[in-house]
Amino acid sequence: MRRNTTRTTAPCRSPLLLYADEKGRILEHPRLEATGADAGRWCRPSVADWIPLPEGSEVFRLPMRLPVGFDRRKKRFEVLSRDPYDPRRSVNAVAAFVAPAHTQLHSAAYQTLPGAPVLPLFAYTAVGWMDGGFVTTALRVDPDRRQDFTTFDLEAVQENARRRLAGESHNRLIPHLAKCALTYACPAARNLFLNRWEAPLPTSPACNARCLGCISLQETGEIPASQERIRFVPTPEEIAAVAVPHLKTAPRAVVSFGQGCEGEPLLQGDTLREAVRIMRRETGRGTINCNTNGSLPDVVSRLVGAGLDSIRVSINSCRPRYYNAYYNPRGYRFDDLKRSIQAVKAAGGFASLNYFVLPGFSDEASEAAALFDFVRETGVDLIQMRNFNIDPEWLLEAIGHRREGKVIGVRRLMQRLQDEFPGLRLGYFNPCLDPDAGSILTHP
């Protein structure tokens, strides 16, 4: 994985194809145009889809995958198998892992070779080279800068984490979250130790789903887990000791159950409910949120009754067969997600979807229709357009995807949602719902 190139090229109307040589260097092709893919189908992104690669993004080499470019003279796609500057050498495709707050519009285009390994749990967005810099196909969907790379003072994160480890070593959550911040570079954990914005409250080592793309537990070993799952259930007092100071003092304070380093928080419903009660006895400031699979609507109702302000329900598809194929739910049904959202809305709370976006699948006409029905039925307030961190080819085969209808495009999907539901918000992060908790830091 490298983010350098050794040649410059005169500006052109469309970006040039990028590839990785045998030494891992990322180079631009002298003439082939960069392309994208929608659920495995190669495409030529429009000029408007390309933006400068946002700061904090990364560019990956994709092992045993050949780059695909477009030859403007021959008017056809071309698979690149050899280095154009040295035909004796092989090449690999590359992709961008786009910084938070940006939604991908097209995946990277490539041809997978036999025996290629499954890609790790990242999102693989189309990337090219134009006017002396990297470009990618993405759209900034949230102005909030809470996870922008340039906002993090890493020395302050380290210093504050060490200080809290020394002073609060009796609270098991502090060393767990310090590892998340210092080892796994979790933005939410880093923000906790910077006393700002949204802070994580992991609680559950157990889960009632077996998600194909789970980042904290992979039982087969085919895909490596990105991080270690929490191994204990903290007490309500341990949770509140982390949450209350943050709620009282942090700007735009949000505390959230349900993190990447845990299973399903609703399985610890009694613990969460008591923790929420303690928080709300101590302060009415800020927002208490739960990121969840939405599997236990009765537990959600009890949490809202205790003072929970919002939930975010994760979903890969609004078509039950594809939802079930990805989540492999244990003891709950797809309709329970709707009931959980409806329970929050009935109590005057706020509900979001954590919608995993995969170009060519999420913007397929049949999926769009199912999503619109889901929004109408639940009255969800916000859709967080999150990039799907998974190998696209592997996923689509694993869930048995069959294309149904045309692909309308991710940008057009978002526009249609806002046209159909004027009150619906599109974004990337859990909002602070307390107007008295300070102002938001926005992207210029």
Protein backbone atom coordinates (compact mmCIF):
# COMPACT_ATOMS: atom_id res chain seq x y z
CA MET A 1 0.00 0.00 0.00
CA ARG A 2 1.60 3.23 -1.16
CA ARG A 3 0.39 6.74 -1.86
CA ASN A 4 3.07 7.95 -4.25
CA THR A 5 3.62 8.07 -7.99
CA THR A 6 6.79 8.53 -9.94
CA ARG A 7 5.44 10.26 -13.05
CA THR A 8 3.35 13.29 -13.85
CA THR A 9 0.91 13.61 -16.70
CA ALA A 10 -0.67 16.53 -18.51
CA PRO A 11 -4.27 17.25 -17.45
CA CYS A 12 -6.94 15.29 -19.25
CA ARG A 13 -10.73 15.34 -19.28
CA SER A 14 -11.05 12.09 -17.36
CA PRO A 15 -8.66 10.56 -14.80
CA LEU A 16 -6.04 8.07 -15.80
CA LEU A 17 -6.03 4.48 -14.60
CA LEU A 18 -3.87 3.69 -11.58
CA TYR A 19 -2.15 0.39 -10.95
CA ALA A 20 0.44 -1.08 -8.55
CA ASP A 21 3.69 -2.46 -9.92
CA GLU A 22 5.65 -5.41 -8.51
CA LYS A 23 7.42 -3.13 -6.01
CA GLY A 24 4.14 -1.83 -4.62
CA ARG A 25 4.50 1.59 -6.25
CA ILE A 26 1.26 3.16 -7.45
CA LEU A 27 1.58 4.52 -10.99
CA GLU A 28 -0.71 6.03 -13.58
CA HIS A 29 -1.22 4.44 -16.98
CA PRO A 30 -0.03 6.58 -19.91
CA ARG A 31 -3.36 6.46 -21.75
CA LEU A 32 -6.07 4.22 -20.24
CA GLU A 33 -8.90 6.01 -18.47
CA ALA A 34 -9.83 5.17 -14.88
CA THR A 35 -13.05 3.21 -14.49
CA GLY A 36 -15.45 2.08 -11.78
CA ALA A 37 -17.72 -0.86 -11.06
CA ASP A 38 -21.32 -1.28 -9.93
CA ALA A 39 -21.87 -4.71 -8.36
CA GLY A 40 -19.11 -6.10 -10.53
CA ARG A 41 -20.17 -4.43 -13.78
CA TRP A 42 -17.52 -2.09 -15.16
CA CYS A 43 -18.57 1.46 -15.88
CA ARG A 44 -17.25 4.88 -16.87
CA PRO A 45 -18.03 7.31 -14.04
CA SER A 46 -19.24 10.72 -15.10
CA VAL A 47 -16.81 13.63 -14.81
CA ALA A 48 -18.96 15.04 -11.98
CA ASP A 49 -18.47 11.86 -9.90
CA TRP A 50 -14.71 12.41 -9.51
CA ILE A 51 -13.44 14.51 -6.59
CA PRO A 52 -9.94 15.01 -5.16
CA LEU A 53 -9.14 12.16 -2.79
CA PRO A 54 -10.13 13.50 0.66
CA GLU A 55 -7.37 13.90 3.23
CA GLY A 56 -7.24 10.91 5.54
CA SER A 57 -8.14 8.46 2.75
CA GLU A 58 -5.86 5.60 1.78
CA VAL A 59 -5.02 3.79 -1.44
CA PHE A 60 -4.74 -0.01 -1.37
CA ARG A 61 -3.12 -2.55 -3.65
CA LEU A 62 -5.55 -5.38 -4.40
CA PRO A 63 -3.68 -8.70 -4.56
CA MET A 64 -4.31 -11.00 -7.54
CA ARG A 65 -6.70 -8.52 -9.13
CA LEU A 66 -5.97 -6.94 -12.50
CA PRO A 67 -6.78 -3.26 -13.16
CA VAL A 68 -9.48 -2.40 -15.69
CA GLY A 69 -9.23 0.79 -17.72
CA PHE A 70 -11.08 2.26 -20.67
CA ASP A 71 -9.40 2.82 -24.01
CA ARG A 72 -10.94 5.99 -25.43
CA ARG A 73 -9.55 5.36 -28.91
CA LYS A 74 -10.88 1.80 -29.17
CA LYS A 75 -13.99 2.66 -27.10
CA ARG A 76 -13.78 -0.44 -24.96
CA PHE A 77 -12.74 -1.65 -21.51
CA GLU A 78 -9.30 -3.18 -21.27
CA VAL A 79 -7.87 -5.48 -18.59
CA LEU A 80 -4.26 -4.56 -17.78
CA SER A 81 -2.13 -7.64 -17.16
CA ARG A 82 1.39 -6.27 -17.63
CA ASP A 83 3.18 -3.06 -16.64
CA PRO A 84 3.00 -0.70 -19.65
CA TYR A 85 6.47 0.65 -18.80
CA ASP A 86 7.99 -2.83 -18.43
CA PRO A 87 5.90 -5.64 -19.98
CA ARG A 88 8.00 -8.25 -18.18
CA ARG A 89 6.39 -7.24 -14.89
CA SER A 90 2.92 -8.02 -13.51
CA VAL A 91 0.51 -5.50 -12.01
CA ASN A 92 -2.28 -5.29 -9.44
CA ALA A 93 -5.42 -3.17 -9.25
CA VAL A 94 -5.74 -0.44 -6.63
CA ALA A 95 -8.68 1.09 -4.76
CA ALA A 96 -9.35 3.98 -2.39
CA PHE A 97 -10.54 3.63 1.20
CA VAL A 98 -12.32 6.97 1.43
CA ALA A 99 -12.25 9.11 4.58
CA PRO A 100 -15.34 9.19 6.83
CA ALA A 101 -18.28 11.46 5.92
CA HIS A 102 -17.93 10.50 2.23
CA THR A 103 -20.17 7.99 0.45
CA GLN A 104 -18.75 6.02 -2.47
CA LEU A 105 -20.44 6.35 -5.85
CA HIS A 106 -18.61 3.51 -7.65
CA SER A 107 -16.46 0.60 -6.52
CA ALA A 108 -13.04 -0.10 -7.98
CA ALA A 109 -13.03 -2.04 -11.26
CA TYR A 110 -10.83 -5.11 -11.57
CA GLN A 111 -10.67 -8.69 -12.83
CA THR A 112 -10.04 -11.25 -10.10
CA LEU A 113 -7.56 -14.01 -10.80
CA PRO A 114 -8.21 -17.65 -9.77
CA GLY A 115 -7.16 -18.32 -6.19
CA ALA A 116 -7.24 -14.67 -5.14
CA PRO A 117 -7.68 -14.14 -1.37
CA VAL A 118 -10.81 -12.54 0.02
CA LEU A 119 -10.20 -8.84 0.57
CA PRO A 120 -10.06 -7.49 4.17
CA LEU A 121 -12.95 -5.51 5.64
CA PHE A 122 -12.55 -2.17 3.92
CA ALA A 123 -14.59 -0.34 1.28
CA TYR A 124 -12.97 -0.41 -2.16
CA THR A 125 -13.79 2.76 -4.08
CA ALA A 126 -12.73 3.67 -7.61
CA VAL A 127 -9.58 5.82 -7.76
CA GLY A 128 -7.69 7.57 -10.55
CA TRP A 129 -5.02 10.18 -11.27
CA MET A 130 -5.80 13.61 -12.70
CA ASP A 131 -4.09 17.00 -12.76
CA GLY A 132 -1.25 15.83 -10.55
CA GLY A 133 -3.31 14.21 -7.78
CA PHE A 134 -5.46 11.29 -6.72
CA VAL A 135 -9.19 11.46 -7.43
CA THR A 136 -12.00 9.15 -6.36
CA THR A 137 -15.71 8.64 -6.96
CA ALA A 138 -17.37 9.82 -3.76
CA LEU A 139 -19.64 12.48 -2.35
CA ARG A 140 -19.33 14.23 1.01
CA VAL A 141 -22.69 13.56 2.67
CA ASP A 142 -22.11 15.03 6.13
CA PRO A 143 -20.49 18.40 6.94
CA ASP A 144 -19.61 17.27 10.47
CA ARG A 145 -15.83 17.04 10.87
CA ARG A 146 -15.84 14.79 13.94
CA GLN A 147 -13.77 12.11 12.19
CA ASP A 148 -11.75 14.27 9.80
CA PHE A 149 -8.10 13.27 10.00
CA THR A 150 -6.91 16.86 10.39
CA THR A 151 -8.93 17.41 13.58
CA PHE A 152 -7.04 14.81 15.64
CA ASP A 153 -4.17 15.80 17.90
CA LEU A 154 -2.62 12.36 18.34
CA GLU A 155 -0.24 13.48 21.06
CA ALA A 156 -3.18 14.79 23.07
CA VAL A 157 -5.03 11.49 22.55
CA GLN A 158 -2.05 9.55 23.90
CA GLU A 159 -1.50 11.90 26.83
CA ASN A 160 -5.15 11.94 27.88
CA ALA A 161 -5.51 8.18 27.48
CA ARG A 162 -2.47 7.57 29.70
CA ARG A 163 -3.75 10.05 32.27
CA ARG A 164 -7.14 8.34 32.47
CA LEU A 165 -5.52 4.91 32.60
CA ALA A 166 -3.53 6.05 35.60
CA GLY A 167 -6.49 7.64 37.37
CA GLU A 168 -9.32 5.26 36.43
CA SER A 169 -7.67 1.86 36.18
CA HIS A 170 -10.46 0.39 38.34
CA ASN A 171 -12.93 0.99 35.48
CA ARG A 172 -12.50 -1.84 32.96
CA LEU A 173 -13.87 0.29 30.12
CA ILE A 174 -10.97 2.75 30.26
CA PRO A 175 -8.19 0.30 29.26
CA HIS A 176 -10.49 -1.27 26.68
CA LEU A 177 -11.22 2.11 25.07
CA ALA A 178 -7.59 3.18 25.37
CA LYS A 179 -6.64 0.15 23.27
CA CYS A 180 -9.30 1.10 20.75
CA ALA A 181 -7.87 4.61 20.50
CA LEU A 182 -4.16 3.82 20.59
CA THR A 183 -3.97 0.44 18.83
CA TYR A 184 -6.95 0.37 16.46
CA ALA A 185 -7.08 4.16 15.82
CA CYS A 186 -10.84 4.18 16.46
CA PRO A 187 -12.03 7.76 15.79
CA ALA A 188 -14.82 7.54 18.36
CA ALA A 189 -12.45 6.34 21.09
CA ARG A 190 -10.00 9.08 20.15
CA ASN A 191 -12.76 11.66 20.49
CA LEU A 192 -13.59 10.32 23.94
CA PHE A 193 -10.03 11.02 25.07
CA LEU A 194 -10.23 14.47 23.47
CA ASN A 195 -13.49 15.09 25.39
CA ARG A 196 -15.52 16.05 22.34
CA TRP A 197 -18.43 14.98 20.13
CA GLU A 198 -19.42 11.29 20.04
CA ALA A 199 -17.95 8.82 22.55
CA PRO A 200 -18.27 5.00 22.46
CA LEU A 201 -19.80 2.83 25.20
CA PRO A 202 -19.14 -0.84 24.28
CA THR A 203 -21.00 -3.28 26.51
CA SER A 204 -21.77 -6.62 24.86
CA PRO A 205 -19.48 -9.57 24.12
CA ALA A 206 -22.47 -11.53 22.77
CA CYS A 207 -24.49 -11.17 19.56
CA ASN A 208 -27.69 -12.60 18.11
CA ALA A 209 -26.53 -12.28 14.49
CA ARG A 210 -23.66 -13.74 12.52
CA CYS A 211 -22.90 -10.91 10.10
CA LEU A 212 -20.71 -11.87 7.16
CA GLY A 213 -18.74 -8.65 7.58
CA CYS A 214 -18.49 -8.55 11.37
CA ILE A 215 -15.32 -6.62 12.24
CA SER A 216 -14.90 -8.05 15.74
CA LEU A 217 -15.64 -11.78 15.31
CA GLN A 218 -14.95 -14.01 12.31
CA GLU A 219 -15.38 -17.70 13.15
CA THR A 220 -14.24 -19.25 9.87
CA GLY A 221 -10.97 -17.38 9.47
CA GLU A 222 -11.68 -16.68 5.79
CA ILE A 223 -11.83 -12.96 6.58
CA PRO A 224 -9.68 -11.58 9.42
CA ALA A 225 -11.51 -9.57 12.09
CA SER A 226 -10.35 -5.96 12.20
CA GLN A 227 -10.25 -5.66 15.98
CA GLU A 228 -10.75 -7.55 19.21
CA ARG A 229 -14.23 -7.81 20.71
CA ILE A 230 -14.89 -6.73 24.28
CA ARG A 231 -14.73 -9.73 26.63
CA PHE A 232 -16.76 -8.49 29.58
CA VAL A 233 -20.03 -6.76 30.36
CA PRO A 234 -19.29 -3.51 32.19
CA THR A 235 -21.43 -2.55 35.15
CA PRO A 236 -23.90 0.34 34.87
CA GLU A 237 -21.60 2.30 37.16
CA GLU A 238 -18.57 1.71 34.92
CA ILE A 239 -20.56 2.82 31.90
CA ALA A 240 -21.88 5.93 33.62
CA ALA A 241 -18.40 6.87 34.86
CA VAL A 242 -17.29 7.14 31.23
CA ALA A 243 -20.50 8.69 29.88
CA VAL A 244 -21.50 11.30 32.46
CA PRO A 245 -18.37 13.52 32.31
CA HIS A 246 -18.59 13.42 28.52
CA LEU A 247 -22.28 14.34 28.49
CA LYS A 248 -21.71 17.18 30.95
CA THR A 249 -18.76 18.87 29.26
CA ALA A 250 -18.10 17.75 25.67
CA PRO A 251 -19.21 19.98 22.79
CA ARG A 252 -22.08 18.37 20.82
CA ALA A 253 -21.96 15.50 23.27
CA VAL A 254 -23.20 12.08 22.17
CA VAL A 255 -22.56 8.76 23.91
CA SER A 256 -23.36 5.59 21.98
CA PHE A 257 -23.85 1.98 22.89
CA GLY A 258 -23.13 -0.46 20.08
CA GLN A 259 -19.61 -0.24 18.69
CA GLY A 260 -17.50 -2.19 16.24
CA CYS A 261 -15.65 -3.79 19.16
CA GLU A 262 -18.75 -5.55 20.53
CA GLY A 263 -21.74 -7.68 19.69
CA GLU A 264 -25.37 -6.60 20.06
CA PRO A 265 -25.94 -4.13 22.94
CA LEU A 266 -29.65 -4.89 23.30
CA LEU A 267 -28.67 -8.31 24.71
CA GLN A 268 -27.46 -6.39 27.77
CA GLY A 269 -30.77 -4.53 28.07
CA ASP A 270 -30.97 -4.45 31.88
CA THR A 271 -27.41 -3.15 32.18
CA LEU A 272 -28.02 -0.49 29.55
CA ARG A 273 -31.29 0.61 31.10
CA GLU A 274 -29.73 1.11 34.53
CA ALA A 275 -26.76 2.94 32.98
CA VAL A 276 -29.11 5.29 31.11
CA ARG A 277 -31.03 5.97 34.33
CA ILE A 278 -27.81 6.89 36.13
CA MET A 279 -26.74 9.18 33.28
CA ARG A 280 -30.04 11.01 33.25
CA ARG A 281 -30.08 11.40 37.02
CA GLU A 282 -26.71 13.12 36.73
CA THR A 283 -27.36 15.30 33.67
CA GLY A 284 -29.96 16.09 31.05
CA ARG A 285 -27.32 17.39 28.65
CA GLY A 286 -26.25 15.72 25.40
CA THR A 287 -27.63 12.71 23.55
CA ILE A 288 -27.70 9.05 24.59
CA ASN A 289 -27.77 6.82 21.52
CA CYS A 290 -27.78 3.10 20.80
CA ASN A 291 -26.31 1.59 17.63
CA THR A 292 -28.10 -1.71 17.22
CA ASN A 293 -29.41 -4.36 14.88
CA GLY A 294 -32.90 -3.49 16.16
CA SER A 295 -33.68 -7.10 17.02
CA LEU A 296 -35.42 -6.60 20.38
CA PRO A 297 -38.13 -3.92 20.15
CA ASP A 298 -39.37 -4.53 23.71
CA VAL A 299 -35.90 -3.81 25.06
CA VAL A 300 -35.74 -0.69 22.90
CA SER A 301 -39.03 0.51 24.40
CA ARG A 302 -37.69 0.05 27.93
CA LEU A 303 -34.49 1.92 27.09
CA VAL A 304 -36.45 4.83 25.63
CA GLY A 305 -38.52 4.87 28.80
CA ALA A 306 -35.34 5.14 30.85
CA GLY A 307 -34.07 8.13 28.86
CA LEU A 308 -32.49 6.85 25.62
CA ASP A 309 -32.75 9.61 23.00
CA SER A 310 -32.03 7.84 19.73
CA ILE A 311 -31.24 4.58 18.01
CA ARG A 312 -29.37 3.73 14.83
CA VAL A 313 -30.37 0.46 13.19
CA SER A 314 -27.80 -1.15 10.89
CA ILE A 315 -29.05 -2.65 7.65
CA ASN A 316 -27.46 -3.93 4.46
CA SER A 317 -30.68 -4.30 2.48
CA CYS A 318 -34.39 -3.60 2.86
CA ARG A 319 -35.13 -6.82 1.01
CA PRO A 320 -35.51 -9.50 3.72
CA ARG A 321 -33.83 -12.30 1.75
CA TYR A 322 -30.63 -10.28 1.35
CA TYR A 323 -30.83 -8.98 4.91
CA ASN A 324 -31.13 -12.50 6.28
CA ALA A 325 -28.36 -13.83 4.03
CA TYR A 326 -25.94 -11.21 5.37
CA TYR A 327 -26.96 -10.96 9.06
CA ASN A 328 -27.92 -14.59 9.71
CA PRO A 329 -30.23 -13.48 12.56
CA ARG A 330 -30.64 -15.68 15.62
CA GLY A 331 -34.05 -15.45 17.27
CA TYR A 332 -35.39 -12.33 15.56
CA ARG A 333 -37.00 -11.38 12.26
CA PHE A 334 -36.64 -8.56 9.77
CA ASP A 335 -39.92 -7.01 10.93
CA ASP A 336 -38.44 -6.56 14.41
CA LEU A 337 -36.20 -3.83 13.00
CA LYS A 338 -39.27 -1.90 11.94
CA ARG A 339 -40.93 -2.40 15.32
CA SER A 340 -37.84 -1.07 17.12
CA ILE A 341 -37.79 2.09 15.02
CA GLN A 342 -41.54 2.54 15.43
CA ALA A 343 -41.18 2.18 19.21
CA VAL A 344 -38.66 5.01 19.31
CA LYS A 345 -40.72 7.23 17.04
CA ALA A 346 -43.89 6.59 19.04
CA ALA A 347 -42.10 7.87 22.15
CA GLY A 348 -40.91 11.03 20.39
CA GLY A 349 -37.34 9.78 19.89
CA PHE A 350 -35.00 9.96 16.92
CA ALA A 351 -34.23 7.02 14.62
CA SER A 352 -31.51 6.51 12.02
CA LEU A 353 -30.57 3.81 9.56
CA ASN A 354 -26.95 2.76 9.31
CA TYR A 355 -27.30 1.91 5.62
CA PHE A 356 -24.41 -0.03 4.11
CA VAL A 357 -23.88 1.38 0.62
CA LEU A 358 -22.53 -0.86 -2.14
CA PRO A 359 -22.77 0.71 -5.62
CA GLY A 360 -24.76 -1.44 -8.01
CA PHE A 361 -26.63 -3.13 -5.15
CA SER A 362 -27.87 -0.34 -2.87
CA ASP A 363 -28.90 1.76 -5.89
CA GLU A 364 -30.53 -1.10 -7.76
CA ALA A 365 -34.12 -0.22 -8.65
CA SER A 366 -35.58 -3.10 -6.60
CA GLU A 367 -33.52 -2.18 -3.53
CA ALA A 368 -34.43 1.50 -3.87
CA ALA A 369 -38.13 0.60 -3.95
CA ALA A 370 -37.76 -1.53 -0.81
CA LEU A 371 -35.86 1.27 0.94
CA PHE A 372 -38.58 3.79 0.11
CA ASP A 373 -41.23 1.43 1.53
CA PHE A 374 -39.13 0.97 4.69
CA VAL A 375 -38.86 4.74 5.20
CA ARG A 376 -42.61 5.22 4.70
CA GLU A 377 -43.46 2.44 7.14
CA THR A 378 -41.08 3.47 9.92
CA GLY A 379 -40.81 7.25 9.63
CA VAL A 380 -37.04 7.06 10.13
CA ASP A 381 -35.45 10.51 10.57
CA LEU A 382 -31.98 10.01 9.09
CA ILE A 383 -30.20 7.63 6.75
CA GLN A 384 -26.49 7.38 7.36
CA MET A 385 -25.03 6.52 3.96
CA ARG A 386 -22.13 4.38 5.19
CA ASN A 387 -19.73 2.62 2.83
CA PHE A 388 -19.95 -1.18 2.95
CA ASN A 389 -16.62 -2.47 4.29
CA ILE A 390 -16.40 -5.83 2.55
CA ASP A 391 -15.08 -7.57 -0.54
CA PRO A 392 -17.83 -6.74 -3.09
CA GLU A 393 -17.50 -9.89 -5.22
CA TRP A 394 -17.35 -12.18 -2.20
CA LEU A 395 -20.38 -10.52 -0.61
CA LEU A 396 -22.61 -10.63 -3.67
CA GLU A 397 -21.86 -14.32 -4.18
CA ALA A 398 -22.36 -15.09 -0.48
CA ILE A 399 -25.84 -13.54 -0.35
CA GLY A 400 -26.88 -15.00 -3.71
CA HIS A 401 -27.45 -11.66 -5.38
CA ARG A 402 -29.26 -11.58 -8.71
CA ARG A 403 -29.66 -8.25 -10.46
CA GLU A 404 -33.25 -6.99 -10.51
CA GLY A 405 -33.91 -3.94 -12.65
CA LYS A 406 -31.57 -1.15 -13.62
CA VAL A 407 -29.04 0.62 -11.43
CA ILE A 408 -30.08 4.24 -10.88
CA GLY A 409 -26.83 5.47 -9.31
CA VAL A 410 -26.01 6.32 -5.69
CA ARG A 411 -26.18 10.08 -6.27
CA ARG A 412 -29.58 9.78 -7.95
CA LEU A 413 -30.82 7.48 -5.18
CA MET A 414 -30.02 10.15 -2.59
CA GLN A 415 -31.71 12.83 -4.67
CA ARG A 416 -34.85 10.71 -5.04
CA LEU A 417 -34.96 10.09 -1.30
CA GLN A 418 -34.86 13.79 -0.57
CA ASP A 419 -37.47 14.53 -3.24
CA GLU A 420 -39.84 11.86 -1.90
CA PHE A 421 -39.21 12.57 1.81
CA PRO A 422 -38.43 16.28 2.29
CA GLY A 423 -38.03 15.87 6.05
CA LEU A 424 -35.59 12.96 5.77
CA ARG A 425 -31.97 13.74 6.56
CA LEU A 426 -29.02 12.11 4.81
CA GLY A 427 -25.67 12.04 6.57
CA TYR A 428 -22.96 9.87 8.09
CA PHE A 429 -22.93 10.39 11.87
CA ASN A 430 -25.26 10.18 14.87
CA PRO A 431 -26.43 13.75 15.53
CA CYS A 432 -26.41 15.52 18.85
CA LEU A 433 -30.07 16.29 19.52
CA ASP A 434 -29.45 18.75 22.35
CA PRO A 435 -29.39 22.34 20.99
CA ASP A 436 -27.77 23.55 24.21
CA ALA A 437 -24.75 21.24 23.96
CA GLY A 438 -22.63 23.51 21.76
CA SER A 439 -22.05 24.11 18.08
CA ILE A 440 -21.01 21.68 15.39
CA LEU A 441 -17.61 21.85 13.67
CA THR A 442 -18.40 21.70 9.98
CA HIS A 443 -16.47 21.05 6.82
CA PRO A 444 -15.74 24.32 5.01
